[in-house]
Amino acid sequence: MLKSFHYFAGAVLALFVFAHLGNHLVGLSGVENHISTMEILRKVYRNAVVEALLILVLVIQVISGLRLALAKRGGVQDKWVLLQIVSGAYLLFFLVVHVSAVMFGRYWLKLDTNAYFAMAGLNTEGYRLFFIPYYLMSVFFFFGHIAAIHRQKMNRAVLGVGVAAQSISIVIFGAFVAVAIIYAMTDGFSTASFPEAYKVLTP
């Protein structure tokens, strides 16, 4: 039952995350396009009902994920199960911290938590030492978690590609997506500018 709740909550969250990552990849064509795309997506996920559902499945995912990870913590031999546990643990950390930060920025600081909200940390000396790996690992481990589950659940080759190779491909794809997003948000691994209002995030 606990696994069923976890998988259902994860599937719902994954839909949102894929849309969110796609939004970030649009940033490769410029921050203005990133923000305009986000405004379109917000009409869906900032709907009161949808937002409440996302918060609910987030809570379910955190609680069920923590309990499942604790249940598996001893004697893990399979590297894919280990990846599932490690990636899941990091994603739990990231989701709690990131959502809390967004809510703080949105309701307390009265900021529009758009691309500039993330760019502030990614493009400020000192802070970027934390935020670049923080965001890189969140994307990488998201795909790593999917890859680990795929390796355990999938039982057939696709177009001659074995299950292990499929999972490795998912991990590699996730690494490329993670790097591409950081590239977009830092103006090509340089230093992107952001509005003065967001400097309150990096005093």
Foldseek 3Di string as FASTA:
>chain_A
DLVVLQVVLLVLVVVVVVLLLVLLLLLLVPQVSSQVSVVVVCVPCVPPVNVVSNVVSLVSNLVSLVVVLVVPVPDDDDVLVVLLSVLSVLLSVLVVVVVVLVCCCCPVLVDDCGLLLLLLQCQDPPSVVVSLVSQLSNQLSSLSNVLSVQLVPDDDADPPHDSNNVSVVSNVVSNVSSVSSSCSSQVRPHHDDHDPSSCVVPD
